Protein backbone atom coordinates (compact mmCIF):
# COMPACT_ATOMS: atom_id res chain seq x y z
CA MET A 1 31.25 56.51 70.49
CA GLU A 2 28.92 53.96 70.65
CA THR A 3 25.62 54.03 69.06
CA HIS A 4 22.36 52.51 71.15
CA GLU A 5 19.13 51.79 69.04
CA LEU A 6 16.10 53.34 70.88
CA PRO A 7 13.76 50.77 72.19
CA GLN A 8 10.82 50.82 69.94
CA THR A 9 7.65 52.66 71.45
CA MET A 10 4.03 51.35 72.39
CA GLU A 11 2.96 53.59 68.62
CA GLN A 12 5.70 51.90 66.60
CA ARG A 13 4.83 48.55 67.53
CA LEU A 14 0.97 49.36 67.27
CA ASN A 15 1.99 50.17 63.45
CA GLU A 16 4.37 47.64 62.84
CA GLU A 17 1.34 45.31 64.05
CA TYR A 18 -0.93 47.17 61.86
CA GLU A 19 0.91 47.10 59.04
CA LYS A 20 1.07 42.71 59.29
CA CYS A 21 -2.69 43.06 59.70
CA ILE A 22 -3.22 45.26 56.54
CA ARG A 23 -0.94 42.78 54.24
CA SER A 24 -2.36 39.47 55.64
CA PHE A 25 -5.97 40.84 54.86
CA ARG A 26 -5.22 41.97 51.74
CA ALA A 27 -3.18 38.52 50.58
CA ALA A 28 -6.55 37.43 51.99
CA ARG A 29 -8.70 39.52 49.76
CA TYR A 30 -6.59 38.85 46.77
CA LYS A 31 -6.68 34.91 47.16
CA ARG A 32 -10.34 34.92 48.10
CA GLU A 33 -10.98 37.18 44.75
CA LEU A 34 -8.44 34.70 42.71
CA GLU A 35 -10.48 31.35 44.15
CA LEU A 36 -13.67 32.99 42.72
CA SER A 37 -12.07 34.43 39.38
CA THR A 38 -10.84 30.22 38.97
CA ARG A 39 -14.27 29.58 39.55
CA ASP A 40 -15.94 31.55 37.56
CA LEU A 41 -13.68 30.55 34.73
CA ARG A 42 -14.06 27.04 35.44
CA ARG A 43 -17.65 27.36 34.99
CA ARG A 44 -17.19 29.29 31.57
CA ILE A 45 -15.28 26.88 30.66
CA GLU A 46 -17.94 24.06 31.32
CA GLU A 47 -20.51 25.94 29.76
CA LEU A 48 -18.36 26.77 26.59
CA GLU A 49 -17.77 22.67 26.36
CA SER A 50 -21.72 22.09 26.41
CA GLN A 51 -21.90 24.50 23.57
CA VAL A 52 -19.30 22.90 21.75
CA GLU A 53 -20.72 19.23 22.43
CA PHE A 54 -24.11 20.59 22.26
CA LEU A 55 -23.13 22.31 18.73
CA GLY A 56 -21.55 19.04 17.29
CA ASN A 57 -23.88 17.06 17.58
CA GLU A 58 -26.17 19.44 15.90
CA SER A 59 -23.11 19.41 13.49
CA PHE A 60 -23.22 15.95 12.90
CA SER A 61 -26.98 15.45 12.88
CA ALA A 62 -27.38 17.78 10.09
CA GLY A 63 -24.69 16.63 8.29
CA CYS A 64 -26.42 12.79 8.33
CA LYS A 65 -29.23 14.58 6.90
CA VAL A 66 -26.90 15.89 3.70
CA VAL A 67 -25.05 12.94 3.45
CA ASP A 68 -28.70 11.22 3.55
CA ALA A 69 -30.17 13.73 0.85
CA SER A 70 -27.25 13.50 -1.29
CA LEU A 71 -27.73 9.55 -1.55
CA GLN A 72 -31.54 9.55 -1.66
CA TYR A 73 -30.66 12.38 -4.58
CA SER A 74 -27.47 10.21 -6.01
CA LYS A 75 -30.11 7.06 -5.89
CA ILE A 76 -31.89 8.77 -8.79
CA ALA A 77 -29.56 10.56 -10.50
CA CYS A 78 -26.65 7.81 -10.92
CA PRO A 79 -28.60 4.84 -12.80
CA ASN A 80 -30.34 7.95 -15.11
CA LEU A 81 -26.39 8.65 -15.76
CA CYS A 82 -25.36 5.19 -15.94
CA ASN A 83 -28.30 4.61 -17.99
CA LYS A 84 -27.35 6.73 -20.32
CA ILE A 85 -23.97 5.41 -20.76
CA MET A 86 -24.86 2.19 -21.34
CA LEU A 87 -26.77 2.95 -24.69
CA THR A 88 -24.41 5.67 -25.77
CA PHE A 89 -20.90 4.24 -25.31
CA PRO A 90 -19.57 0.53 -26.67
CA ARG A 91 -17.92 -1.53 -24.03
CA GLU A 92 -14.40 -0.55 -24.98
CA ILE A 93 -14.82 2.91 -24.35
CA ARG A 94 -16.98 2.20 -21.07
CA ASP A 95 -13.94 -0.29 -19.33
CA ILE A 96 -12.10 3.53 -19.92
CA ILE A 97 -14.61 4.46 -17.09
CA TYR A 98 -14.44 2.45 -15.02
CA PHE A 99 -10.42 2.47 -15.45
CA TYR A 100 -11.20 6.02 -13.35
CA PHE A 101 -12.47 4.14 -10.41
CA ILE A 102 -11.31 0.97 -9.70
CA GLY A 103 -7.23 2.09 -11.02
CA HIS A 104 -5.77 0.17 -14.21
CA GLY A 105 -2.92 -2.38 -12.86
CA LEU A 106 -3.91 -2.60 -9.83
CA TRP A 107 -2.24 -5.39 -8.06
CA ALA A 108 -4.12 -7.09 -5.43
CA PRO A 109 -2.11 -8.29 -1.88
CA ALA A 110 -1.31 -11.72 -1.41
CA GLY A 111 -3.33 -13.36 1.25
CA SER A 112 -6.39 -14.17 1.84
CA GLN A 113 -7.28 -11.70 4.88
CA MET A 114 -5.37 -8.94 3.32
CA LEU A 115 -7.06 -9.20 -0.40
CA VAL A 116 -10.52 -9.00 0.81
CA ARG A 117 -9.25 -6.00 3.51
CA ASP A 118 -8.08 -4.92 0.24
CA LEU A 119 -11.46 -5.74 -1.44
CA ASP A 120 -13.48 -4.26 0.99
CA SER A 121 -11.62 -0.75 0.38
CA LEU A 122 -12.64 -0.80 -3.05
CA ARG A 123 -15.54 -1.70 -2.26
CA THR A 124 -16.35 1.35 0.07
CA LYS A 125 -14.36 4.16 -1.75
CA ALA A 126 -16.93 4.94 -4.02
CA VAL A 127 -21.03 4.52 -4.19
CA GLN A 128 -20.32 2.67 -8.08
CA TRP A 129 -20.06 -0.57 -6.61
CA THR A 130 -24.00 -0.61 -5.58
CA LYS A 131 -26.67 -2.01 -7.57
CA ASP A 132 -28.94 0.62 -6.18
CA PHE A 133 -26.84 3.80 -7.80
CA VAL A 134 -24.96 2.47 -10.63
CA GLY A 135 -27.51 -0.28 -12.18
CA ALA A 136 -26.87 -4.20 -11.80
CA SER A 137 -25.33 -3.28 -15.71
CA MET A 138 -22.86 -1.62 -15.17
CA ALA A 139 -22.01 -2.75 -11.60
CA ARG A 140 -21.25 -6.15 -13.34
CA GLU A 141 -18.95 -4.62 -16.02
CA MET A 142 -17.06 -2.94 -13.35
CA ALA A 143 -16.16 -5.81 -11.42
CA GLU A 144 -15.35 -7.75 -14.81
CA THR A 145 -13.19 -4.88 -15.06
CA PHE A 146 -12.14 -5.35 -11.92
CA TYR A 147 -10.75 -8.92 -12.21
CA ARG A 148 -9.22 -8.65 -15.52
CA THR A 149 -7.35 -5.63 -15.65
CA THR A 150 -5.70 -6.55 -11.99
CA LYS A 151 -2.21 -8.58 -11.36
CA PHE A 152 -3.33 -11.23 -8.61
CA ILE A 153 0.46 -11.49 -6.97
CA PHE A 154 0.21 -14.78 -4.29
CA THR A 155 3.03 -17.00 -2.62
CA SER A 156 3.32 -20.39 -1.44
CA SER A 157 2.92 -19.30 1.99
CA ASP A 158 -0.57 -18.92 1.07
CA ALA A 159 -1.73 -20.66 -1.44
CA THR A 160 -5.30 -21.56 -0.39
CA ALA A 161 -5.84 -18.01 -1.45
CA ILE A 162 -5.61 -18.83 -5.20
CA TYR A 163 -8.70 -20.91 -4.56
CA ARG A 164 -10.73 -18.43 -2.86
CA LEU A 165 -9.67 -15.75 -5.34
CA ARG A 166 -11.05 -18.11 -8.44
CA LEU A 167 -14.61 -19.21 -6.78
CA ASN A 168 -15.68 -16.41 -4.69
CA ASN A 169 -16.88 -13.09 -5.80
CA GLU A 170 -16.16 -11.14 -3.36
CA PHE A 171 -18.85 -8.15 -4.32
CA GLY A 172 -22.00 -11.06 -4.66
CA LEU A 173 -22.20 -10.82 -8.02
CA ASP A 174 -23.66 -14.13 -9.86
CA PHE A 175 -20.64 -14.74 -11.91
CA LEU A 176 -16.83 -16.96 -10.85
CA PRO A 177 -14.23 -14.57 -10.76
CA VAL A 178 -12.24 -17.15 -13.00
CA SER A 179 -13.73 -16.27 -16.04
CA PHE A 180 -12.30 -12.79 -16.03
CA ILE A 181 -9.02 -12.79 -14.25
CA SER A 182 -6.06 -12.99 -17.21
CA ASP A 183 -2.87 -11.93 -14.49
CA ILE A 184 -1.09 -13.75 -11.65
CA GLU A 185 1.69 -13.57 -9.91
CA TYR A 186 3.50 -16.66 -7.96
CA ARG A 187 6.42 -16.13 -5.78
CA ILE A 188 7.70 -19.45 -5.65
CA SER A 189 9.44 -20.45 -1.94
CA LEU A 190 11.40 -23.63 -2.21
CA TYR A 191 13.13 -23.99 0.85
CA SER A 192 11.27 -26.91 1.92
CA VAL A 193 13.38 -28.88 -0.68
CA GLU A 194 15.98 -28.00 1.41
CA ILE A 195 14.75 -30.23 4.60
CA PRO A 196 15.10 -33.67 4.88
CA GLY A 197 11.36 -35.50 5.44
CA TYR A 198 9.83 -32.51 5.05
CA PRO A 199 6.58 -33.98 4.35
CA ILE A 200 4.83 -31.27 1.14
CA ASP A 201 6.43 -31.26 -1.80
CA PRO A 202 6.07 -27.44 -2.58
CA ARG A 203 5.56 -28.12 -6.34
CA ALA A 204 1.81 -29.48 -5.09
CA ASP A 205 0.68 -25.82 -3.69
CA LEU A 206 0.92 -24.86 -8.12
CA GLU A 207 -1.42 -27.43 -8.69
CA PHE A 208 -3.68 -24.33 -7.56
CA LEU A 209 -3.00 -22.83 -10.42
CA PHE A 210 -4.53 -25.02 -12.93
CA GLY A 211 -7.75 -24.24 -11.74
CA PHE A 212 -7.62 -20.81 -13.57
CA ARG A 213 -8.93 -20.56 -16.72
CA PRO A 214 -6.51 -21.08 -20.21
CA GLY A 215 -4.44 -18.46 -21.46
CA THR A 216 -4.34 -17.31 -18.34
CA ALA A 217 -0.73 -15.18 -17.53
CA ILE A 218 1.18 -16.37 -14.98
CA THR A 219 4.58 -15.05 -13.68
CA MET A 220 6.95 -16.92 -12.00
CA MET A 221 8.99 -15.69 -8.96
CA LEU A 222 11.71 -17.15 -8.05
CA ALA A 223 14.00 -15.38 -5.25
CA ARG A 224 17.20 -17.27 -4.46
CA GLN A 225 20.30 -17.50 -3.99
CA GLU A 226 22.27 -17.57 -7.90
CA TRP A 227 24.03 -20.72 -7.49
CA LEU A 228 21.00 -22.75 -6.50
CA LEU A 229 19.41 -21.80 -10.09
CA VAL A 230 20.26 -24.36 -12.33
CA ASP A 231 18.72 -27.42 -9.72
CA ASP A 232 15.54 -25.19 -8.38
CA LEU A 233 14.91 -24.33 -11.62
CA THR A 234 15.37 -27.75 -13.08
CA PHE A 235 13.08 -29.40 -9.95
CA ILE A 236 10.30 -27.15 -10.62
CA PHE A 237 10.04 -26.44 -14.32
CA PRO A 238 8.23 -29.54 -14.84
CA VAL A 239 5.15 -28.46 -13.26
CA PHE A 240 5.66 -25.08 -16.07
CA GLN A 241 5.13 -27.49 -18.90
CA ARG A 242 2.78 -28.88 -17.73
CA LEU A 243 0.87 -25.53 -17.64
CA MET A 244 1.75 -24.69 -20.92
CA ASP A 245 1.08 -27.56 -22.21
CA LEU A 246 -2.96 -26.93 -21.28
CA LYS A 247 -1.78 -23.13 -22.93
CA TYR A 248 -1.04 -21.21 -20.06
CA ARG A 249 1.08 -18.07 -20.48
CA ILE A 250 3.98 -18.83 -18.30
CA ARG A 251 7.37 -17.10 -18.38
CA VAL A 252 9.84 -16.83 -15.15
CA SER A 253 11.18 -14.12 -13.07
CA LEU A 254 14.39 -14.01 -11.42
CA GLU A 255 15.45 -12.35 -8.20
CA LEU A 256 18.45 -14.28 -7.25
CA GLU A 257 21.11 -13.12 -4.90
CA ARG A 258 24.37 -12.95 -5.79
CA ASN A 259 28.03 -12.06 -4.87
CA PHE A 260 28.52 -9.26 -7.51
CA PRO A 261 26.42 -6.91 -5.28
CA ASP A 262 27.03 -3.69 -8.53
CA VAL A 263 24.88 -5.47 -10.90
CA GLY A 264 21.85 -5.54 -10.24
CA VAL A 265 20.09 -8.33 -12.85
CA LYS A 266 16.30 -8.55 -12.33
CA PHE A 267 15.56 -11.13 -15.29
CA ILE A 268 12.33 -12.37 -16.71
CA SER A 269 12.29 -14.69 -19.68
CA GLU A 270 10.43 -14.63 -22.52
CA TRP A 271 6.87 -16.27 -22.21
CA ASN A 272 6.78 -19.71 -22.43
CA PRO A 273 10.07 -20.94 -22.90
CA VAL A 274 10.82 -24.20 -24.14
CA SER A 275 13.05 -26.03 -21.44
CA ALA A 276 14.67 -24.75 -18.03
CA GLN A 277 18.53 -24.77 -19.87
CA ALA A 278 17.15 -22.30 -22.41
CA VAL A 279 15.47 -19.98 -19.12
CA ILE A 280 19.56 -19.92 -17.71
CA GLU A 281 21.61 -19.62 -20.48
CA ALA A 282 19.11 -16.54 -21.00
CA TYR A 283 19.52 -15.26 -17.77
CA TRP A 284 23.23 -15.61 -17.84
CA LYS A 285 23.57 -13.63 -20.89
CA LYS A 286 21.90 -11.02 -19.22
CA ARG A 287 24.37 -11.30 -15.96
CA VAL A 288 27.30 -11.24 -18.66
CA ASP A 289 25.96 -8.38 -20.48
CA ALA A 290 24.81 -6.27 -17.40
CA GLU A 291 28.65 -6.54 -15.62
CA GLU A 292 30.31 -5.21 -19.60
CA GLU A 293 27.76 -2.51 -18.96
CA LEU A 294 29.18 -2.42 -15.71
CA GLN A 295 32.76 -2.70 -16.65
CA GLN A 296 32.45 0.23 -19.42
CA ALA A 297 30.50 2.57 -17.35
CA LYS A 298 33.73 2.08 -14.90
CA LEU A 299 36.11 2.76 -17.89
CA ASP A 300 34.11 5.66 -19.93
CA GLU A 301 34.07 7.48 -16.24
CA GLN A 302 37.80 7.09 -16.24
CA LEU A 303 38.31 7.77 -19.44
CA ALA A 304 36.12 11.08 -18.42
CA ILE A 305 38.14 12.64 -15.17
CA TYR A 306 41.77 11.86 -17.41
CA SER A 307 40.28 13.87 -20.10
CA ASP A 308 39.50 16.59 -18.06
CA MET A 309 42.62 16.51 -16.36
CA THR A 310 44.81 16.72 -19.93
CA TRP A 311 42.43 19.26 -20.90
CA ASP A 312 43.79 21.63 -17.92
CA MET A 313 47.20 20.62 -17.61
CA PRO A 314 48.30 23.76 -20.24
CA THR A 315 46.96 25.66 -17.26
CA LEU A 316 48.63 23.85 -14.30
CA ILE A 317 51.74 24.65 -16.06
CA ALA A 318 51.58 28.17 -17.28
CA ARG A 319 50.52 28.30 -12.69
């Protein structure tokens, strides 16, 4: 039996239209309330951001005032303390105190620009470099200690930085750094020797080293392939000999590329070797000793494994 859907009455249609209008009105009102709430939140966020910016400016201003007050106090207190140190302790003890600030054995990077940047960082690290805080005498002593205890590293690609280091006092004091520098490492590049017609003799850059005072310790580092050692060292050694004749302390450091990567040999010669041949012989002796030590270590390892296997044999048989 079929059932037929009765047509909607006028009242039902009106009720449905009314419910749709109610839902639309509620949605519009909710949307409006949401927009107003969002606008209020944005305004509140802007107010809070303005307050944060204001407080930040106030905090920065207050911080600057604290720093200024601290600096003013330091300009009074620090000189008094430094004067007492200068009057109470001998130079040897004062040097120990200076090491605390500047670092004993500091390595300065190669290159004139990098060197200046490193010194700038060191100068601004603390107020101890400023005459207003530590006094002229202590500022000079600290700068002297810095130059005397620092190992400066240079390469032949920036040999002019050596000239700058010797004669330019980066701390603005009235003495030449060359009077106190005592430790130099110079990394030699000999690749130009292999280029036919190359206009610059790599030994020419070594002439900058003669400007340091006699007694300065200079470590000459060669990083090359091992098979070039004899020719390279023989080629460059006459310059080393001239330096030694003028009372410089010279030694040779070798970091060589080899065909035996398992054997790491970092070689440093004795001070003032008598000849290039003496350096070469000492290097080969150290290399042979290193290879023998490596072979012995491998043998000991194999014996230890064999010993463990022999010790466990009764247990294996019992199983």
